[in-house]
Protein backbone atom coordinates (compact mmCIF):
# COMPACT_ATOMS: atom_id res chain seq x y z
CA MET A 1 139.78 155.19 122.50
CA ARG A 2 139.55 155.61 118.72
CA PHE A 3 136.35 155.40 116.67
CA ALA A 4 135.59 155.62 112.96
CA LEU A 5 132.18 156.90 111.86
CA VAL A 6 131.31 155.85 108.31
CA ASP A 7 127.99 157.23 107.03
CA ASP A 8 127.09 159.19 103.91
CA ARG A 9 124.69 161.45 105.86
CA THR A 10 126.32 164.31 107.77
CA GLU A 11 123.47 164.53 110.29
CA GLU A 12 123.85 160.84 111.17
CA ARG A 13 127.58 161.22 111.80
CA GLU A 14 126.89 164.28 113.95
CA LEU A 15 124.30 162.34 115.97
CA ILE A 16 126.71 159.47 116.61
CA LEU A 17 129.41 161.92 117.64
CA GLU A 18 127.00 163.62 120.04
CA LEU A 19 126.10 160.25 121.57
CA LEU A 20 129.78 159.36 121.91
CA PHE A 21 130.47 162.59 123.76
CA SER A 22 127.57 161.88 126.11
CA PHE A 23 128.69 158.29 126.70
CA ALA A 24 132.30 159.37 127.29
CA LYS A 25 131.19 161.99 129.81
CA ASP A 26 129.07 159.46 131.71
CA ASN A 27 131.91 156.92 131.78
CA ASN A 28 134.87 159.25 132.28
CA LEU A 29 136.45 158.30 128.94
CA THR A 30 138.54 160.16 126.39
CA PHE A 31 138.23 159.36 122.70
CA HIS A 32 139.07 160.40 119.16
CA ALA A 33 136.66 159.94 116.26
CA ASP A 34 137.38 160.10 112.52
CA ASN A 35 134.51 160.83 110.12
CA PHE A 36 134.11 159.33 106.65
CA LYS A 37 131.29 159.98 104.18
CA SER A 38 131.73 156.76 102.18
CA GLY A 39 133.16 153.28 102.37
CA GLU A 40 135.69 154.18 99.70
CA GLU A 41 136.94 157.17 101.69
CA PHE A 42 137.25 155.05 104.83
CA LEU A 43 139.15 152.23 103.12
CA ALA A 44 141.54 154.68 101.45
CA ALA A 45 142.57 155.94 104.89
CA PHE A 46 142.15 152.72 106.88
CA VAL A 47 145.12 151.28 108.76
CA PRO A 48 144.52 147.85 110.36
CA TYR A 49 144.20 147.81 114.16
CA SER A 50 144.12 151.61 114.40
CA TYR A 51 140.52 151.78 115.71
CA ASP A 52 138.72 150.24 118.64
CA ILE A 53 135.27 150.42 117.04
CA VAL A 54 134.07 151.22 113.52
CA PHE A 55 130.46 152.38 113.10
CA LEU A 56 129.31 151.49 109.57
CA ASP A 57 126.14 152.51 107.81
CA ILE A 58 125.00 149.67 105.55
CA TYR A 59 123.17 151.70 102.88
CA MET A 60 125.54 154.29 101.40
CA ASP A 61 126.27 155.76 98.00
CA GLY A 62 129.03 153.72 96.37
CA ILE A 63 130.04 150.49 98.08
CA THR A 64 127.82 149.31 100.92
CA GLY A 65 128.77 148.99 104.57
CA ILE A 66 128.78 145.20 104.16
CA GLU A 67 131.27 145.44 101.28
CA THR A 68 133.36 147.94 103.24
CA ALA A 69 133.47 145.64 106.26
CA ALA A 70 134.40 142.62 104.14
CA LYS A 71 137.34 144.52 102.67
CA MET A 72 138.37 145.71 106.12
CA ARG A 73 138.30 142.15 107.47
CA GLU A 74 140.94 141.09 104.92
CA THR A 75 143.57 142.86 107.02
CA ASP A 76 141.93 143.42 110.41
CA SER A 77 140.16 140.61 112.24
CA ARG A 78 140.00 142.30 115.64
CA THR A 79 138.47 145.76 115.40
CA LEU A 80 134.83 145.76 116.51
CA ILE A 81 132.28 146.61 113.81
CA ILE A 82 128.87 148.03 114.69
CA PHE A 83 126.46 148.33 111.76
CA LEU A 84 123.91 151.15 111.62
CA THR A 85 120.92 150.80 109.30
CA THR A 86 117.23 151.42 108.76
CA SER A 87 116.54 147.76 107.95
CA GLN A 88 117.44 144.37 109.39
CA GLU A 89 117.47 142.81 105.92
CA HIS A 90 121.24 142.31 105.90
CA MET A 91 121.64 141.04 109.46
CA GLY A 92 122.88 137.64 108.25
CA ASP A 93 125.53 139.27 106.06
CA ALA A 94 126.56 141.53 108.93
CA PHE A 95 127.24 138.71 111.33
CA SER A 96 128.99 136.58 108.70
CA ILE A 97 131.62 139.33 108.74
CA HIS A 98 131.83 138.95 112.53
CA ALA A 99 130.16 142.24 113.30
CA PHE A 100 129.78 142.95 116.99
CA ASP A 101 126.28 144.40 116.80
CA TYR A 102 123.58 145.81 114.57
CA VAL A 103 121.88 149.07 115.65
CA LYS A 104 118.70 150.08 113.88
CA LYS A 105 118.02 153.68 112.88
CA PRO A 106 116.69 156.02 114.11
CA ILE A 107 119.28 155.43 116.80
CA GLN A 108 117.95 155.37 120.33
CA LYS A 109 120.27 156.65 123.05
CA GLN A 110 119.55 153.78 125.44
CA LYS A 111 120.20 151.13 122.78
CA PHE A 112 123.36 152.90 121.63
CA PHE A 113 124.71 153.18 125.17
CA SER A 114 123.88 149.52 125.90
CA CYS A 115 125.72 148.46 122.74
CA LEU A 116 128.78 150.52 123.65
CA THR A 117 128.79 149.20 127.23
CA ASP A 118 128.82 145.62 125.93
CA ALA A 119 131.55 146.47 123.42
CA MET A 120 133.72 148.01 126.13
CA ARG A 121 133.83 144.65 127.91
CA LEU A 122 135.45 143.07 124.85
CA LEU A 123 138.04 145.74 124.21
CA PRO A 124 141.53 144.83 125.41
CA LYS A 125 142.89 146.18 128.64
CA PRO A 126 146.05 148.31 128.25
CA ASN A 127 148.26 145.34 129.18
CA GLN A 128 146.83 143.15 126.42
CA TYR A 129 148.11 145.07 123.43
CA LEU A 130 151.04 147.17 122.26
CA SER A 131 150.29 150.78 121.40
CA PHE A 132 152.79 152.59 119.18
CA LEU A 133 153.28 154.99 116.29
CA SER A 134 154.17 153.56 112.89
CA ASN A 135 154.59 155.94 109.94
CA GLY A 136 152.77 158.61 111.92
CA THR A 137 149.72 156.45 112.71
CA GLU A 138 148.81 155.19 116.17
CA LEU A 139 148.43 151.41 116.10
CA ARG A 140 147.43 148.82 118.64
CA LEU A 141 148.34 145.17 118.21
CA PHE A 142 147.04 142.40 120.42
CA TYR A 143 149.84 140.39 121.98
CA ASN A 144 148.36 137.21 120.49
CA ASP A 145 148.51 138.60 116.95
CA ILE A 146 152.26 139.23 117.12
CA CYS A 147 154.41 136.51 115.58
CA PHE A 148 157.85 137.99 116.34
CA LEU A 149 159.80 141.21 116.78
CA ARG A 150 163.24 141.96 115.42
CA SER A 151 165.58 144.78 116.41
CA PHE A 152 167.42 146.87 113.85
CA THR A 153 169.90 149.73 114.38
CA HIS A 154 167.34 152.45 114.99
CA SER A 155 164.01 150.62 114.84
CA ILE A 156 162.02 147.49 115.63
CA GLU A 157 160.17 145.46 113.03
CA ILE A 158 156.99 143.77 114.24
CA THR A 159 155.63 140.87 112.21
CA ILE A 160 152.09 139.65 112.82
CA ILE A 161 150.79 136.19 111.97
CA SER A 162 149.43 137.30 108.57
CA GLY A 163 153.00 138.22 107.59
CA LYS A 164 152.36 141.98 107.62
CA THR A 165 155.11 144.03 109.24
CA TYR A 166 155.19 147.32 111.13
CA SER A 167 158.20 149.49 111.97
CA VAL A 168 158.56 151.52 115.14
CA TYR A 169 161.41 153.70 116.35
CA ALA A 170 162.06 152.62 119.95
CA SER A 171 164.49 150.87 122.23
CA PHE A 172 164.09 147.10 121.86
CA SER A 173 164.47 146.38 125.58
CA THR A 174 162.00 149.08 126.60
CA PHE A 175 159.45 148.36 123.88
CA THR A 176 159.40 144.61 124.45
CA LYS A 177 159.37 144.75 128.26
CA PRO A 178 155.61 144.03 128.60
CA LEU A 179 155.95 141.08 126.19
CA MET A 180 158.93 139.67 128.08
CA GLU A 181 156.61 139.41 131.09
CA GLN A 182 154.25 137.13 129.13
CA GLU A 183 154.83 133.38 129.29
CA ASN A 184 154.42 132.88 125.54
CA PHE A 185 157.20 135.22 124.38
CA LEU A 186 160.77 133.94 124.15
CA LEU A 187 164.01 135.75 123.35
CA VAL A 188 165.72 133.39 120.90
CA SER A 189 168.69 135.63 120.13
CA ARG A 190 169.80 139.15 120.79
CA GLY A 191 167.13 141.44 119.37
CA ILE A 192 164.68 138.72 118.29
CA LEU A 193 161.59 137.91 120.38
CA VAL A 194 159.15 135.23 119.19
CA ASN A 195 155.64 134.23 120.19
CA MET A 196 155.88 130.53 121.08
CA ASP A 197 152.25 130.01 120.05
CA TYR A 198 153.48 130.29 116.45
CA VAL A 199 156.74 128.37 116.76
CA THR A 200 156.83 125.08 114.82
CA GLY A 201 160.32 123.95 115.78
CA PHE A 202 164.02 124.64 116.21
CA THR A 203 167.03 123.68 114.13
CA ALA A 204 170.66 124.13 115.08
CA LYS A 205 170.62 127.68 113.72
CA GLU A 206 167.01 128.79 113.41
CA CYS A 207 163.60 129.03 115.02
CA THR A 208 160.86 128.16 112.53
CA LEU A 209 157.43 129.72 112.75
CA GLN A 210 154.12 129.37 110.96
CA ASN A 211 153.79 130.61 107.37
CA GLY A 212 157.33 129.46 106.57
CA ILE A 213 159.03 132.18 108.61
CA SER A 214 162.45 131.47 110.13
CA VAL A 215 164.59 133.62 112.41
CA PRO A 216 168.16 133.02 113.64
CA ILE A 217 168.79 131.86 117.21
CA THR A 218 171.75 131.89 119.58
CA MET A 219 173.20 128.52 118.55
CA ARG A 220 174.74 127.64 121.89
CA LYS A 221 171.28 127.94 123.45
CA GLN A 222 169.45 125.76 120.95
CA LYS A 223 168.79 122.91 123.40
CA GLN A 224 167.70 125.30 126.14
CA LEU A 225 165.33 127.16 123.82
CA THR A 226 163.85 123.90 122.54
CA CYS A 227 163.28 122.73 126.11
CA ILE A 228 161.55 125.97 127.08
CA TRP A 229 159.30 125.71 124.03
CA HIS A 230 158.38 122.07 124.76
CA ASN A 231 157.63 122.90 128.41
CA TYR A 232 155.46 125.82 127.36
CA ASN A 233 153.44 123.63 124.98
CA PHE A 234 153.02 120.93 127.62
CA ALA A 235 151.75 123.45 130.19
CA LYS A 236 149.43 124.99 127.58
CA LEU A 237 147.92 121.63 126.63
CA HIS A 238 147.48 120.70 130.28
CA ARG A 239 145.73 124.02 130.99
CA GLU A 240 143.41 123.63 127.99
CA ALA A 241 142.55 120.05 128.99
CA THR A 242 141.72 121.20 132.51
CA GLU A 243 139.46 123.96 131.21
CA ARG A 244 137.61 121.55 128.90
CA SER A 245 136.96 119.13 131.77
CA ARG A 246 135.26 121.75 133.95
């Protein structure tokens, strides 16, 4: 697990780190934690989807934790944010940014552990995201955030729904194996795997996706690919209707 600790007080960061070590020992976990003394320092180093949880102090010199979180949310909608503060004055602002929780200082061990236990239930299981190195940084992308993957000579380009791309040096067949086992991913041509949740249609030569993205397909399989996509959407709608009627 990866944590970021953002607080302008060294003693507060040390306390959180001590609590994390204690929690990890009790729960047989391994983790890595990065420390930042300001929101500016954190944002300068921040890579979307590289952390599981970010602990953010609200009152800091420079930009506030709320402002830091808002900037972070522009590129990362998934990472859990836990605010740490001496006052509940900004609770409304915190939750408008989709913070997971709000822990009041001085931090109590029992409250901190309870918060982490609840957060752990929301974190993805290993088979729900891809973990890889991109430009020397470990990243984790939820399957559902991936729009498509494209193979190049020595690398794979991953495009997420926002349009942002990541490059990873790996074998396409090996890297995409867990995605190929998911019902929503479809190989539309050699070296191109799309998430059917973001497909908007097929032409004779291309698969069109949301945000105006198009990728080439194996033309002789256009009818087959279209049929698979329609069947997937039908099954998805049927499943959603069944869940709503329960």
